[in-house]
C-alpha atoms as a PDB file:
ATOM      1  CA  MET A   1     -60.942  36.653  94.445  1.00  0.00           C
ATOM      2  CA  SER A   2     -62.831  33.306  92.189  1.00  0.00           C
ATOM      3  CA  ASP A   3     -66.022  32.865  92.835  1.00  0.00           C
ATOM      4  CA  SER A   4     -65.258  28.769  92.911  1.00  0.00           C
ATOM      5  CA  PRO A   5     -63.090  26.852  95.048  1.00  0.00           C
ATOM      6  CA  SER A   6     -61.724  24.311  92.727  1.00  0.00           C
ATOM      7  CA  THR A   7     -60.150  27.296  91.009  1.00  0.00           C
ATOM      8  CA  PRO A   8     -58.139  29.583  92.901  1.00  0.00           C
ATOM      9  CA  ASP A   9     -56.458  32.790  92.331  1.00  0.00           C
ATOM     10  CA  VAL A  10     -52.897  32.383  90.722  1.00  0.00           C
ATOM     11  CA  ILE A  11     -49.974  34.581  91.479  1.00  0.00           C
ATOM     12  CA  ASP A  12     -46.668  33.617  89.821  1.00  0.00           C
ATOM     13  CA  VAL A  13     -44.056  36.028  91.611  1.00  0.00           C
ATOM     14  CA  ARG A  14     -41.396  34.748  89.295  1.00  0.00           C
ATOM     15  CA  VAL A  15     -41.861  37.914  87.795  1.00  0.00           C
ATOM     16  CA  LEU A  16     -41.671  40.051  90.105  1.00  0.00           C
ATOM     17  CA  VAL A  17     -38.113  41.306  91.306  1.00  0.00           C
ATOM     18  CA  PRO A  18     -37.708  39.524  94.884  1.00  0.00           C
ATOM     19  CA  ALA A  19     -37.787  42.306  97.199  1.00  0.00           C
ATOM     20  CA  GLU A  20     -41.362  42.814  96.246  1.00  0.00           C
ATOM     21  CA  ARG A  21     -43.042  39.396  96.128  1.00  0.00           C
ATOM     22  CA  HIS A  22     -43.498  38.850  99.790  1.00  0.00           C
ATOM     23  CA  ALA A  23     -45.478  41.964 100.304  1.00  0.00           C
ATOM     24  CA  ARG A  24     -47.179  40.857  97.294  1.00  0.00           C
ATOM     25  CA  ILE A  25     -48.067  38.012  98.590  1.00  0.00           C
ATOM     26  CA  PHE A  26     -48.825  39.404 101.947  1.00  0.00           C
ATOM     27  CA  ALA A  27     -50.799  42.325 100.417  1.00  0.00           C
ATOM     28  CA  LEU A  28     -53.427  38.912  98.577  1.00  0.00           C
ATOM     29  CA  VAL A  29     -53.296  37.272 102.093  1.00  0.00           C
ATOM     30  CA  ASP A  30     -54.517  40.010 103.980  1.00  0.00           C
ATOM     31  CA  SER A  31     -57.444  40.614 101.388  1.00  0.00           C
ATOM     32  CA  LEU A  32     -57.967  36.700 101.492  1.00  0.00           C
ATOM     33  CA  GLN A  33     -61.769  35.713 101.830  1.00  0.00           C
ATOM     34  CA  PRO A  34     -62.789  32.690 105.138  1.00  0.00           C
ATOM     35  CA  GLY A  35     -62.946  29.349 102.578  1.00  0.00           C
ATOM     36  CA  ALA A  36     -61.530  30.674  99.423  1.00  0.00           C
ATOM     37  CA  SER A  37     -57.359  30.187  98.680  1.00  0.00           C
ATOM     38  CA  PHE A  38     -55.191  30.885  95.809  1.00  0.00           C
ATOM     39  CA  LEU A  39     -51.807  29.133  94.209  1.00  0.00           C
ATOM     40  CA  LEU A  40     -49.157  30.652  94.629  1.00  0.00           C
ATOM     41  CA  VAL A  41     -45.589  29.854  91.906  1.00  0.00           C
ATOM     42  CA  ASN A  42     -42.616  30.648  92.433  1.00  0.00           C
ATOM     43  CA  ASP A  43     -38.621  29.501  91.490  1.00  0.00           C
ATOM     44  CA  HIS A  44     -37.405  28.088  94.608  1.00  0.00           C
ATOM     45  CA  ASP A  45     -39.040  26.543  97.537  1.00  0.00           C
ATOM     46  CA  PRO A  46     -41.051  29.524  99.600  1.00  0.00           C
ATOM     47  CA  LYS A  47     -40.467  28.060 102.976  1.00  0.00           C
ATOM     48  CA  PRO A  48     -39.430  30.920 105.052  1.00  0.00           C
ATOM     49  CA  LEU A  49     -42.921  32.181 103.981  1.00  0.00           C
ATOM     50  CA  ARG A  50     -44.901  29.760 105.174  1.00  0.00           C
ATOM     51  CA  TYR A  51     -42.237  30.470 108.578  1.00  0.00           C
ATOM     52  CA  GLN A  52     -43.487  33.635 107.965  1.00  0.00           C
ATOM     53  CA  LEU A  53     -47.737  33.569 107.454  1.00  0.00           C
ATOM     54  CA  GLU A  54     -47.160  30.945 110.640  1.00  0.00           C
ATOM     55  CA  ALA A  55     -45.934  33.822 112.695  1.00  0.00           C
ATOM     56  CA  GLU A  56     -48.123  36.625 111.440  1.00  0.00           C
ATOM     57  CA  TYR A  57     -51.392  34.525 110.796  1.00  0.00           C
ATOM     58  CA  PRO A  58     -51.812  31.523 113.021  1.00  0.00           C
ATOM     59  CA  GLY A  59     -54.063  28.689 112.942  1.00  0.00           C
ATOM     60  CA  GLU A  60     -55.539  30.811 109.819  1.00  0.00           C
ATOM     61  CA  PHE A  61     -54.396  29.610 107.037  1.00  0.00           C
ATOM     62  CA  SER A  62     -53.497  25.875 104.868  1.00  0.00           C
ATOM     63  CA  TRP A  63     -50.402  25.173 102.820  1.00  0.00           C
ATOM     64  CA  THR A  64     -50.273  22.247 100.562  1.00  0.00           C
ATOM     65  CA  TYR A  65     -47.495  21.633  97.881  1.00  0.00           C
ATOM     66  CA  VAL A  66     -48.656  21.201  94.569  1.00  0.00           C
ATOM     67  CA  GLU A  67     -45.708  20.606  92.691  1.00  0.00           C
ATOM     68  CA  GLN A  68     -41.928  20.832  94.060  1.00  0.00           C
ATOM     69  CA  GLY A  69     -39.679  21.723  91.744  1.00  0.00           C
ATOM     70  CA  PRO A  70     -36.661  21.838  90.738  1.00  0.00           C
ATOM     71  CA  GLN A  71     -37.723  23.973  88.687  1.00  0.00           C
ATOM     72  CA  VAL A  72     -41.073  25.233  89.739  1.00  0.00           C
ATOM     73  CA  TRP A  73     -43.090  25.344  93.225  1.00  0.00           C
ATOM     74  CA  ARG A  74     -47.002  25.306  93.554  1.00  0.00           C
ATOM     75  CA  VAL A  75     -47.861  25.802  97.054  1.00  0.00           C
ATOM     76  CA  GLU A  76     -52.254  26.405  97.033  1.00  0.00           C
ATOM     77  CA  ILE A  77     -51.963  29.186 100.216  1.00  0.00           C
ATOM     78  CA  ALA A  78     -55.917  28.828 102.060  1.00  0.00           C
ATOM     79  CA  LYS A  79     -57.527  30.598 104.746  1.00  0.00           C
ATOM     80  CA  PHE A  80     -59.694  28.622 106.876  1.00  0.00           C
ATOM     81  CA  ALA A  81     -63.841  29.512 106.641  1.00  0.00           C
ATOM     82  CA  LYS A  82     -64.477  30.569 109.955  1.00  0.00           C
ATOM     83  CA  ALA A  83     -66.329  28.013 112.371  1.00  0.00           C
ATOM     84  CA  ALA A  84     -70.190  28.873 113.020  1.00  0.00           C
END
């Protein structure tokens, strides 16, 4: 992951076959350190992924749309830093 919180890593799933997208994203989510984030780039609104993340990791991530189509969606997904 990137050392700078202001420049999240980017995963462009448009280059992956649809069957591989969620597995790749969840692998990245699993390895995300508290306080870190990544930018997801997709060719459609990844809203179903948001519901899956909320079900699997309730209250652990933020979801911020950076761009909402119509051609490209960009979403910053961040893992909340744990409280001390």
